[in-house]
Protein backbone atom coordinates (compact mmCIF):
# COMPACT_ATOMS: atom_id res chain seq x y z
CA UNK A 1 -0.04 -0.07 0.24
CA UNK A 2 2.78 2.41 0.85
CA UNK A 3 5.24 1.38 -2.19
CA UNK A 4 5.60 4.56 -4.49
CA UNK A 5 4.04 5.00 -7.92
CA UNK A 6 5.89 4.78 -10.88
CA UNK A 7 5.95 8.28 -12.28
CA UNK A 8 2.44 8.79 -14.75
CA UNK A 9 3.45 8.97 -18.17
CA UNK A 10 1.44 8.86 -21.22
CA UNK A 11 0.17 5.20 -22.60
CA UNK A 12 1.99 3.48 -25.03
CA UNK A 13 0.67 3.82 -28.81
CA UNK A 14 -0.03 -0.19 -28.66
CA UNK A 15 -1.63 0.43 -25.39
CA UNK A 16 -4.19 3.06 -26.73
CA UNK A 17 -4.50 0.77 -30.16
CA UNK A 18 -5.51 -2.17 -28.36
CA UNK A 19 -7.95 -0.27 -26.15
CA UNK A 20 -9.45 1.65 -29.39
CA UNK A 21 -10.01 -1.65 -31.09
CA UNK A 22 -11.92 -3.52 -27.88
CA UNK A 23 -13.85 -0.30 -27.42
CA UNK A 24 -14.90 -0.04 -30.84
CA UNK A 25 -15.99 -3.56 -31.27
CA UNK A 26 -18.05 -3.44 -28.06
CA UNK A 27 -19.56 0.14 -28.31
CA UNK A 28 -19.59 1.08 -31.94
CA UNK A 29 -20.41 4.66 -32.90
CA UNK A 30 -20.20 5.69 -28.92
CA UNK A 31 -16.41 5.55 -29.00
CA UNK A 32 -15.15 8.79 -30.77
CA UNK A 33 -11.45 9.91 -31.43
CA UNK A 34 -12.18 13.10 -33.71
CA UNK A 35 -9.94 16.16 -32.98
CA UNK A 36 -12.96 18.52 -32.15
CA UNK A 37 -14.76 16.09 -29.65
CA UNK A 38 -11.56 15.07 -27.90
CA UNK A 39 -10.82 19.17 -27.44
CA UNK A 40 -14.41 19.85 -26.31
CA UNK A 41 -13.45 16.92 -23.65
CA UNK A 42 -10.38 18.85 -22.72
CA UNK A 43 -12.09 22.07 -22.42
CA UNK A 44 -11.95 24.29 -19.23
CA UNK A 45 -13.94 27.37 -18.39
CA UNK A 46 -10.65 28.94 -17.35
CA UNK A 47 -7.16 29.77 -18.36
CA UNK A 48 -6.02 26.01 -18.14
CA UNK A 49 -4.67 25.03 -21.30
CA UNK A 50 -6.45 22.37 -23.12
CA UNK A 51 -5.40 18.86 -22.56
CA UNK A 52 -7.41 16.58 -24.64
CA UNK A 53 -8.13 12.34 -24.08
CA UNK A 54 -6.96 10.27 -27.01
CA UNK A 55 -10.23 8.63 -26.85
CA UNK A 56 -13.76 9.60 -25.56
CA UNK A 57 -16.47 6.95 -24.94
CA UNK A 58 -20.20 7.54 -24.06
CA UNK A 59 -21.15 4.39 -21.86
CA UNK A 60 -24.93 3.64 -20.90
CA UNK A 61 -24.97 2.02 -17.07
CA UNK A 62 -22.83 1.20 -14.59
CA UNK A 63 -21.84 -2.08 -15.86
CA UNK A 64 -20.76 -0.62 -19.41
CA UNK A 65 -18.48 1.78 -16.92
CA UNK A 66 -17.08 -1.21 -15.47
CA UNK A 67 -16.07 -2.75 -18.78
CA UNK A 68 -14.31 0.30 -19.86
CA UNK A 69 -12.30 0.65 -16.43
CA UNK A 70 -11.25 -2.74 -16.64
CA UNK A 71 -10.07 -2.39 -20.28
CA UNK A 72 -8.23 0.46 -19.06
CA UNK A 73 -6.60 -0.97 -16.40
CA UNK A 74 -5.56 -4.13 -18.02
CA UNK A 75 -3.43 -1.98 -20.36
CA UNK A 76 -2.39 1.20 -17.83
CA UNK A 77 -4.41 3.43 -19.66
CA UNK A 78 -5.97 6.91 -18.01
CA UNK A 79 -9.30 6.96 -16.96
CA UNK A 80 -11.00 10.82 -17.09
CA UNK A 81 -14.34 11.13 -15.75
CA UNK A 82 -16.94 13.62 -17.58
CA UNK A 83 -20.23 14.91 -16.72
CA UNK A 84 -21.14 18.07 -18.63
CA UNK A 85 -17.72 20.18 -18.65
CA UNK A 86 -18.92 23.27 -16.57
CA UNK A 87 -16.00 22.70 -13.68
CA UNK A 88 -13.39 25.51 -13.58
CA UNK A 89 -9.95 24.20 -12.13
CA UNK A 90 -8.81 22.10 -15.06
CA UNK A 91 -10.72 18.58 -13.62
CA UNK A 92 -11.45 17.38 -16.78
CA UNK A 93 -8.25 17.74 -18.65
CA UNK A 94 -6.05 14.77 -19.76
CA UNK A 95 -2.50 15.69 -18.65
CA UNK A 96 -1.59 11.74 -19.60
CA UNK A 97 -4.13 11.44 -22.66
CA UNK A 98 -6.19 8.35 -22.24
CA UNK A 99 -9.92 7.42 -22.50
CA UNK A 100 -12.35 10.06 -21.14
CA UNK A 101 -15.69 8.45 -19.90
CA UNK A 102 -18.58 10.71 -20.72
CA UNK A 103 -21.92 9.78 -18.68
CA UNK A 104 -24.18 12.08 -20.45
CA UNK A 105 -26.33 9.17 -21.86
CA UNK A 106 -26.75 7.89 -18.03
CA UNK A 107 -29.83 9.55 -17.92
CA UNK A 108 -32.26 7.35 -15.85
CA UNK A 109 -34.23 8.86 -12.73
CA UNK A 110 -33.94 5.32 -11.31
CA UNK A 111 -36.61 5.85 -8.12
CA UNK A 112 -38.18 8.73 -6.42
CA UNK A 113 -39.23 7.60 -3.32
CA UNK A 114 -41.94 10.51 -2.35
CA UNK A 115 -42.44 9.07 1.59
CA UNK A 116 -38.95 9.25 2.10
CA UNK A 117 -37.79 12.36 0.53
CA UNK A 118 -35.14 10.90 -1.75
CA UNK A 119 -34.60 9.71 -5.01
CA UNK A 120 -31.80 7.59 -6.93
CA UNK A 121 -30.18 9.15 -9.77
CA UNK A 122 -27.54 8.31 -12.78
CA UNK A 123 -24.60 10.31 -13.17
CA UNK A 124 -25.58 12.16 -15.97
CA UNK A 125 -28.66 13.47 -14.94
CA UNK A 126 -28.64 17.36 -14.48
CA UNK A 127 -29.93 19.55 -11.79
CA UNK A 128 -32.51 21.08 -13.82
CA UNK A 129 -33.54 17.73 -15.47
CA UNK A 130 -33.97 16.18 -11.79
CA UNK A 131 -36.06 19.13 -10.56
CA UNK A 132 -38.32 19.40 -13.86
CA UNK A 133 -39.07 15.59 -12.89
CA UNK A 134 -39.94 16.51 -9.47
CA UNK A 135 -41.90 19.44 -9.45
CA UNK A 136 -45.15 17.95 -9.71
CA UNK A 137 -44.50 15.65 -6.63
CA UNK A 138 -43.85 18.99 -4.74
CA UNK A 139 -40.45 18.04 -4.22
CA UNK A 140 -36.96 19.93 -5.50
CA UNK A 141 -33.39 19.10 -5.09
CA UNK A 142 -31.91 21.97 -3.45
CA UNK A 143 -28.29 22.17 -4.63
CA UNK A 144 -27.88 25.14 -7.37
CA UNK A 145 -24.15 25.64 -8.12
CA UNK A 146 -25.67 27.97 -10.91
CA UNK A 147 -24.67 25.99 -14.07
CA UNK A 148 -26.47 22.98 -14.96
CA UNK A 149 -24.26 20.58 -13.92
CA UNK A 150 -24.63 16.88 -14.18
CA UNK A 151 -25.33 15.23 -10.47
CA UNK A 152 -22.12 12.94 -10.96
CA UNK A 153 -20.15 15.85 -11.37
CA UNK A 154 -21.64 17.70 -8.31
CA UNK A 155 -20.81 14.94 -6.67
CA UNK A 156 -17.17 14.87 -7.70
CA UNK A 157 -16.28 18.22 -7.01
CA UNK A 158 -18.52 18.65 -3.66
CA UNK A 159 -20.45 21.48 -5.67
CA UNK A 160 -22.51 24.03 -3.06
CA UNK A 161 -24.16 27.08 -4.90
CA UNK A 162 -26.85 29.72 -3.99
CA UNK A 163 -28.93 27.65 -1.52
CA UNK A 164 -25.87 26.11 0.48
CA UNK A 165 -26.54 28.65 3.06
CA UNK A 166 -30.14 26.92 4.05
CA UNK A 167 -29.71 23.60 2.53
CA UNK A 168 -26.22 22.59 2.56
CA UNK A 169 -23.76 21.28 0.10
CA UNK A 170 -23.46 17.87 -1.92
CA UNK A 171 -22.11 16.32 1.37
CA UNK A 172 -25.00 17.22 3.37
CA UNK A 173 -27.24 15.89 0.88
CA UNK A 174 -26.35 12.47 -0.48
CA UNK A 175 -27.04 9.24 1.02
CA UNK A 176 -25.56 6.83 -0.85
CA UNK A 177 -23.32 6.24 -3.86
CA UNK A 178 -22.53 3.46 -6.96
CA UNK A 179 -18.99 3.96 -7.94
CA UNK A 180 -16.60 2.01 -10.27
CA UNK A 181 -13.83 1.96 -8.72
CA UNK A 182 -9.84 2.00 -10.64
CA UNK A 183 -10.15 -2.11 -10.87
CA UNK A 184 -13.24 -1.89 -12.35
CA UNK A 185 -15.25 -3.14 -9.45
CA UNK A 186 -18.72 -1.90 -8.86
CA UNK A 187 -19.21 -0.71 -5.19
CA UNK A 188 -22.25 1.16 -3.14
CA UNK A 189 -20.99 2.83 -0.40
CA UNK A 190 -24.42 3.19 1.61
CA UNK A 191 -28.11 2.32 2.20
CA UNK A 192 -31.06 4.69 1.96
CA UNK A 193 -31.06 5.03 5.43
CA UNK A 194 -30.78 8.72 6.87
CA UNK A 195 -28.13 7.72 9.03
CA UNK A 196 -25.56 4.94 9.76
CA UNK A 197 -22.62 4.02 12.23
CA UNK A 198 -21.96 1.05 10.03
CA UNK A 199 -17.88 1.22 9.33
CA UNK A 200 -16.03 3.55 6.89
CA UNK A 201 -17.90 6.24 5.40
CA UNK A 202 -17.06 5.81 1.99
CA UNK A 203 -20.14 8.22 0.53
CA UNK A 204 -17.96 10.94 1.57
CA UNK A 205 -14.40 9.92 1.03
CA UNK A 206 -15.77 9.63 -2.79
CA UNK A 207 -17.79 13.02 -2.81
CA UNK A 208 -15.12 15.69 -3.45
CA UNK A 209 -12.71 13.12 -4.94
CA UNK A 210 -12.91 14.62 -8.70
CA UNK A 211 -12.98 11.41 -10.23
CA UNK A 212 -9.39 10.31 -8.80
CA UNK A 213 -10.49 7.69 -6.44
CA UNK A 214 -13.36 6.37 -9.10
CA UNK A 215 -16.18 6.99 -11.53
CA UNK A 216 -19.70 7.98 -9.77
CA UNK A 217 -22.67 6.38 -11.86
CA UNK A 218 -25.78 6.33 -9.58
CA UNK A 219 -26.47 8.55 -6.55
CA UNK A 220 -29.11 8.61 -3.91
CA UNK A 221 -30.12 11.88 -2.81
CA UNK A 222 -31.90 13.63 0.00
CA UNK A 223 -34.85 15.51 -1.15
CA UNK A 224 -37.27 18.75 -0.02
CA UNK A 225 -40.48 19.91 -0.14
CA UNK A 226 -40.81 22.84 -2.35
CA UNK A 227 -41.54 25.90 0.06
CA UNK A 228 -45.34 27.33 0.70
CA UNK A 229 -43.98 30.71 -0.18
CA UNK A 230 -40.98 32.10 -1.48
CA UNK A 231 -40.08 35.73 -1.94
CA UNK A 232 -37.14 37.47 -3.61
CA UNK A 233 -35.39 40.61 -3.10
CA UNK A 234 -32.26 43.33 -3.70
CA UNK A 235 -30.92 45.60 -1.46
CA UNK A 236 -27.85 47.97 -2.23
CA UNK A 237 -25.56 48.91 0.20
CA UNK A 238 -22.73 52.12 0.28
CA UNK A 239 -20.06 49.38 0.30
CA UNK A 240 -18.94 46.09 0.16
CA UNK A 241 -18.17 45.96 3.93
CA UNK A 242 -21.82 47.07 5.01
CA UNK A 243 -23.11 44.37 2.71
CA UNK A 244 -20.93 41.85 4.30
CA UNK A 245 -21.59 43.15 7.84
CA UNK A 246 -25.25 43.06 6.88
CA UNK A 247 -24.80 39.21 6.01
CA UNK A 248 -22.66 38.34 9.51
CA UNK A 249 -25.45 40.01 11.11
CA UNK A 250 -28.40 38.16 9.27
CA UNK A 251 -26.72 34.62 10.05
CA UNK A 252 -25.90 35.42 13.45
CA UNK A 253 -29.25 36.52 14.34
CA UNK A 254 -30.69 33.16 12.85
CA UNK A 255 -32.78 34.30 10.29
CA UNK A 256 -33.57 31.13 7.98
CA UNK A 257 -32.28 32.96 4.71
CA UNK A 258 -32.49 30.42 1.63
CA UNK A 259 -29.96 32.37 -0.57
CA UNK A 260 -27.79 35.51 0.10
CA UNK A 261 -25.65 36.44 -2.36
CA UNK A 262 -23.50 39.32 -3.10
CA UNK A 263 -22.61 41.65 -6.15
CA UNK A 264 -19.98 43.86 -6.05
CA UNK A 265 -20.58 47.22 -8.38
CA UNK A 266 -18.47 45.60 -10.84
CA UNK A 267 -20.54 42.37 -11.19
CA UNK A 268 -23.36 44.36 -10.80
CA UNK A 269 -22.25 46.46 -13.85
CA UNK A 270 -21.51 43.43 -15.73
CA UNK A 271 -24.88 41.88 -15.29
CA UNK A 272 -27.18 44.93 -16.07
CA UNK A 273 -25.20 45.15 -19.54
CA UNK A 274 -25.36 41.28 -20.11
CA UNK A 275 -29.38 40.72 -18.76
CA UNK A 276 -30.57 43.85 -19.82
CA UNK A 277 -31.45 44.70 -16.42
CA UNK A 278 -31.40 48.50 -14.36
CA UNK A 279 -29.89 47.26 -10.70
CA UNK A 280 -28.17 50.09 -9.00
CA UNK A 281 -24.84 49.64 -9.56
CA UNK A 282 -23.46 49.36 -5.91
CA UNK A 283 -22.64 46.58 -3.82
CA UNK A 284 -25.66 44.80 -3.70
CA UNK A 285 -27.35 41.64 -1.97
CA UNK A 286 -29.49 39.12 -3.64
CA UNK A 287 -31.86 37.31 -1.06
CA UNK A 288 -34.46 34.92 -1.58
CA UNK A 289 -36.78 33.72 1.89
CA UNK A 290 -38.47 30.07 1.94
CA UNK A 291 -41.47 29.15 4.18
CA UNK A 292 -44.90 29.81 4.89
CA UNK A 293 -46.42 33.09 4.05
CA UNK A 294 -46.01 34.66 7.16
CA UNK A 295 -42.55 33.17 7.99
CA UNK A 296 -41.52 34.59 4.85
CA UNK A 297 -42.73 38.14 5.70
CA UNK A 298 -41.57 38.15 8.94
CA UNK A 299 -37.77 36.94 7.89
CA UNK A 300 -37.93 39.80 5.30
CA UNK A 301 -38.86 42.40 7.97
CA UNK A 302 -36.30 41.34 10.26
CA UNK A 303 -33.56 41.55 7.28
CA UNK A 304 -34.93 45.09 6.39
CA UNK A 305 -34.00 46.02 9.57
CA UNK A 306 -30.55 44.62 9.59
CA UNK A 307 -30.01 46.22 6.07
CA UNK A 308 -30.76 49.96 7.53
CA UNK A 309 -28.31 49.55 10.49
CA UNK A 310 -25.35 49.38 7.91
CA UNK A 311 -26.73 51.92 5.56
CA UNK A 312 -28.49 49.37 3.26
CA UNK A 313 -31.65 50.10 1.23
CA UNK A 314 -34.34 50.58 -0.08
CA UNK A 315 -35.10 47.04 -0.17
CA UNK A 316 -36.87 45.72 -3.07
CA UNK A 317 -38.81 42.51 -3.91
CA UNK A 318 -39.26 40.88 -6.87
CA UNK A 319 -43.02 39.77 -6.22
CA UNK A 320 -44.26 37.81 -9.37
CA UNK A 321 -42.54 34.22 -10.09
CA UNK A 322 -41.14 35.39 -13.50
CA UNK A 323 -39.32 38.80 -11.97
CA UNK A 324 -37.67 36.60 -9.26
CA UNK A 325 -36.51 33.69 -11.88
CA UNK A 326 -35.12 36.53 -14.24
CA UNK A 327 -33.11 37.92 -11.28
CA UNK A 328 -31.64 34.42 -10.18
CA UNK A 329 -31.13 33.83 -13.94
CA UNK A 330 -29.18 36.90 -13.99
CA UNK A 331 -26.92 35.81 -10.79
CA UNK A 332 -26.39 32.63 -12.56
CA UNK A 333 -25.07 34.20 -15.63
CA UNK A 334 -22.51 36.16 -13.69
CA UNK A 335 -19.61 34.34 -14.96
CA UNK A 336 -20.65 35.03 -19.12
CA UNK A 337 -21.87 38.79 -17.99
CA UNK A 338 -18.19 39.54 -16.20
CA UNK A 339 -16.19 38.23 -19.65
CA UNK A 340 -18.44 40.99 -21.38
CA UNK A 341 -16.75 44.06 -19.30
CA UNK A 342 -13.50 42.85 -21.18
CA UNK A 343 -13.96 41.03 -24.79
CA UNK A 344 -10.97 38.93 -25.76
CA UNK A 345 -9.84 38.56 -22.55
CA UNK A 346 -9.57 35.23 -20.15
CA UNK A 347 -11.37 34.52 -17.84
CA UNK A 348 -9.56 33.52 -14.52
CA UNK A 349 -12.69 32.44 -12.27
CA UNK A 350 -11.20 31.13 -8.66
CA UNK A 351 -13.38 31.26 -5.22
CA UNK A 352 -12.15 30.98 -1.47
CA UNK A 353 -14.22 30.36 1.56
CA UNK A 354 -13.71 31.77 5.19
CA UNK A 355 -15.42 31.54 8.52
CA UNK A 356 -18.53 34.22 8.38
CA UNK A 357 -17.34 36.35 10.79
CA UNK A 358 -14.04 37.36 8.75
CA UNK A 359 -16.07 37.58 5.53
CA UNK A 360 -16.18 41.32 5.49
CA UNK A 361 -12.40 41.82 6.13
CA UNK A 362 -11.47 38.97 3.68
CA UNK A 363 -13.50 40.57 0.86
CA UNK A 364 -12.77 43.86 1.94
CA UNK A 365 -8.96 43.63 1.64
CA UNK A 366 -9.32 41.31 -1.47
CA UNK A 367 -11.10 44.68 -3.14
CA UNK A 368 -8.03 46.70 -2.23
CA UNK A 369 -5.93 44.28 -3.50
CA UNK A 370 -7.58 44.27 -6.85
CA UNK A 371 -7.33 47.86 -7.22
CA UNK A 372 -3.82 48.14 -6.51
CA UNK A 373 -3.00 45.09 -8.70
CA UNK A 374 -4.94 47.18 -11.35
CA UNK A 375 -6.86 44.03 -12.36
CA UNK A 376 -10.62 44.00 -13.76
CA UNK A 377 -11.97 41.45 -11.08
CA UNK A 378 -15.80 41.40 -10.03
CA UNK A 379 -16.57 39.68 -7.21
CA UNK A 380 -19.74 38.01 -6.33
CA UNK A 381 -20.42 34.77 -3.99
CA UNK A 382 -22.79 32.74 -1.61
CA UNK A 383 -21.74 34.76 1.32
CA UNK A 384 -23.98 33.40 3.43
CA UNK A 385 -21.61 30.70 4.25
CA UNK A 386 -18.63 32.80 3.72
CA UNK A 387 -17.50 31.82 0.19
CA UNK A 388 -16.70 34.40 -2.90
CA UNK A 389 -15.40 34.24 -6.29
CA UNK A 390 -13.36 36.46 -7.67
CA UNK A 391 -13.08 36.56 -11.65
CA UNK A 392 -10.09 38.39 -13.24
CA UNK A 393 -10.17 38.94 -16.42
CA UNK A 394 -6.79 38.90 -18.30
CA UNK A 395 -4.90 39.45 -21.35
CA UNK A 396 -2.75 36.19 -21.91
CA UNK A 397 -0.76 37.98 -24.70
CA UNK A 398 0.77 40.21 -21.71
CA UNK A 399 3.18 38.36 -19.69
CA UNK A 400 2.98 41.13 -17.13
CA UNK A 401 -0.81 40.76 -16.76
CA UNK A 402 -0.29 37.17 -16.48
CA UNK A 403 2.15 37.83 -13.76
CA UNK A 404 -0.05 40.14 -11.96
CA UNK A 405 -3.23 38.04 -12.00
CA UNK A 406 -1.24 34.79 -10.81
CA UNK A 407 0.38 37.03 -7.85
CA UNK A 408 -3.03 38.17 -7.05
CA UNK A 409 -4.63 34.91 -6.85
CA UNK A 410 -1.78 33.44 -4.69
CA UNK A 411 -2.27 36.57 -2.22
CA UNK A 412 -6.29 35.70 -2.35
CA UNK A 413 -5.85 31.96 -1.13
CA UNK A 414 -3.17 32.56 1.39
CA UNK A 415 -5.08 35.01 3.00
CA UNK A 416 -8.27 33.15 3.25
CA UNK A 417 -6.44 29.96 4.91
CA UNK A 418 -4.89 32.78 7.51
CA UNK A 419 -8.35 33.54 8.21
CA UNK A 420 -9.04 29.73 8.75
CA UNK A 421 -10.51 29.29 5.69
CA UNK A 422 -9.95 27.13 2.58
CA UNK A 423 -8.59 27.66 -0.93
CA UNK A 424 -11.67 26.45 -2.28
CA UNK A 425 -15.10 26.75 -1.22
CA UNK A 426 -16.82 24.78 -4.06
CA UNK A 427 -14.91 25.09 -7.10
CA UNK A 428 -12.46 22.15 -6.23
CA UNK A 429 -9.02 21.47 -6.60
CA UNK A 430 -8.70 20.22 -9.85
CA UNK A 431 -5.17 21.16 -11.46
CA UNK A 432 -4.96 24.55 -10.40
CA UNK A 433 -5.63 24.77 -6.82
CA UNK A 434 -2.87 21.69 -6.05
CA UNK A 435 -0.12 23.62 -4.96
CA UNK A 436 -2.14 25.17 -2.02
CA UNK A 437 -3.43 21.86 -0.61
CA UNK A 438 -0.18 21.53 1.68
CA UNK A 439 -0.52 25.36 2.71
CA UNK A 440 -4.15 24.70 3.94
CA UNK A 441 -3.80 21.10 5.02
CA UNK A 442 -0.14 20.81 5.87
CA UNK A 443 1.98 17.53 5.08
CA UNK A 444 0.83 14.97 7.20
CA UNK A 445 -3.02 15.60 5.95
CA UNK A 446 -1.75 15.52 2.28
CA UNK A 447 0.66 12.51 3.08
CA UNK A 448 -2.68 10.56 4.23
CA UNK A 449 -4.63 11.66 1.03
CA UNK A 450 -1.81 10.43 -0.81
CA UNK A 451 -1.80 6.91 0.77
CA UNK A 452 -5.32 6.81 -0.01
CA UNK A 453 -4.93 7.52 -3.53
CA UNK A 454 -2.30 4.77 -3.70
CA UNK A 455 -4.32 2.12 -1.79
CA UNK A 456 -7.52 2.55 -4.05
CA UNK A 457 -5.89 3.43 -7.40
CA UNK A 458 -2.17 1.75 -7.22
CA UNK A 459 -1.62 2.30 -10.84
CA UNK A 460 -2.61 5.74 -10.75
CA UNK A 461 -4.77 5.44 -13.91
CA UNK A 462 -8.06 7.44 -12.07
CA UNK A 463 -8.10 11.31 -13.40
CA UNK A 464 -4.15 11.29 -12.65
CA UNK A 465 -2.54 14.82 -12.26
CA UNK A 466 -5.48 16.27 -10.05
CA UNK A 467 -5.79 16.77 -6.14
CA UNK A 468 -2.53 15.23 -5.23
CA UNK A 469 0.60 14.76 -7.25
CA UNK A 470 2.11 11.17 -6.94
């Protein structure tokens, strides 16, 4: 178990030829080697270089994933899982080539257990598809990272999102997983029971493992009833600090806000241009409350009092469902809106998370750093749990600008870690955040991660080059 890995290299031409021949015989036109498709599967929504796989294959079942992985393991060929390609830190790149296993055809909603408030889905189902299926049952799946990500991908990156302040993250809503290990063996990590004390928590070992320990193929999820009443609103503030202080007070006083999102004035300008809105171009909080009619009204009134204490207001409500949907769609389009501020520039989306009591301090320091660095870098965040995103827009033809951006991101991460936070609240580690794991966790914890990786994936075929270096 503790023996060191041989250095991971690209598979031999002979190994790839054998794997391609076998896959083609078994799966026909679901095996693709065209340059365009391979490059699509090495794409990342950031400035990480495209590193395409050699082969892309589209399985339709857990058993087919197992068969594919067994074949790759026999030839020492890397395997890279792929959901919808919305990750931001180079998770789906193939630095050593290999086979990309695209689960987008695995779309079955296996079961919905209304009475138990849970469901079982295949990994390729997206969050929007699941919620569309659940709507008529009066249920919904609450994790909302913005992009219409696959459920399998959301498990792999331990996704979070706008609802996390009330409903938690993927680690809080996953009851059990079916996964294919690097050997091709199929494992089920738990049952549908709401809690268990039976053995190691394999479910949470795989959540957030980014495909480095196996391929998640089936997920059992907790569900929630659709709230009786939902109200959303916007509240401008004179400064980012004032907005963050209002967030901190809201959370500390126990108001059960469902969503509370921060947009700085740069991001608000971008959203207005992109989504044809007329939001006040100052630091802004977007909020949503869930509950009964009376409960929602009380929560809103209490928040309005807190906002006023910090100079915020007026507090305007989107009372119609279509207005509320438009507001949140604009928030979800923030990434694309920001890119419009500097056409042709490359987006460098990154995130950190700090304890809620340090949020105002961290965001304010980051705003100063952006100004001093001369960067265009909007801020948006799920600030109800201390998580915020920064999106520098960089001319990648200018070495000085690249250097300034890299130095800024480094300071941002170290600032968050120094405040007892984390290098990433929800984007994950992928390739770009690997160097910060030892800064955050220390050498002993990082060493333990390596031991786990070596024990489960002794030949380092499963999404190599991500999370920990071997």
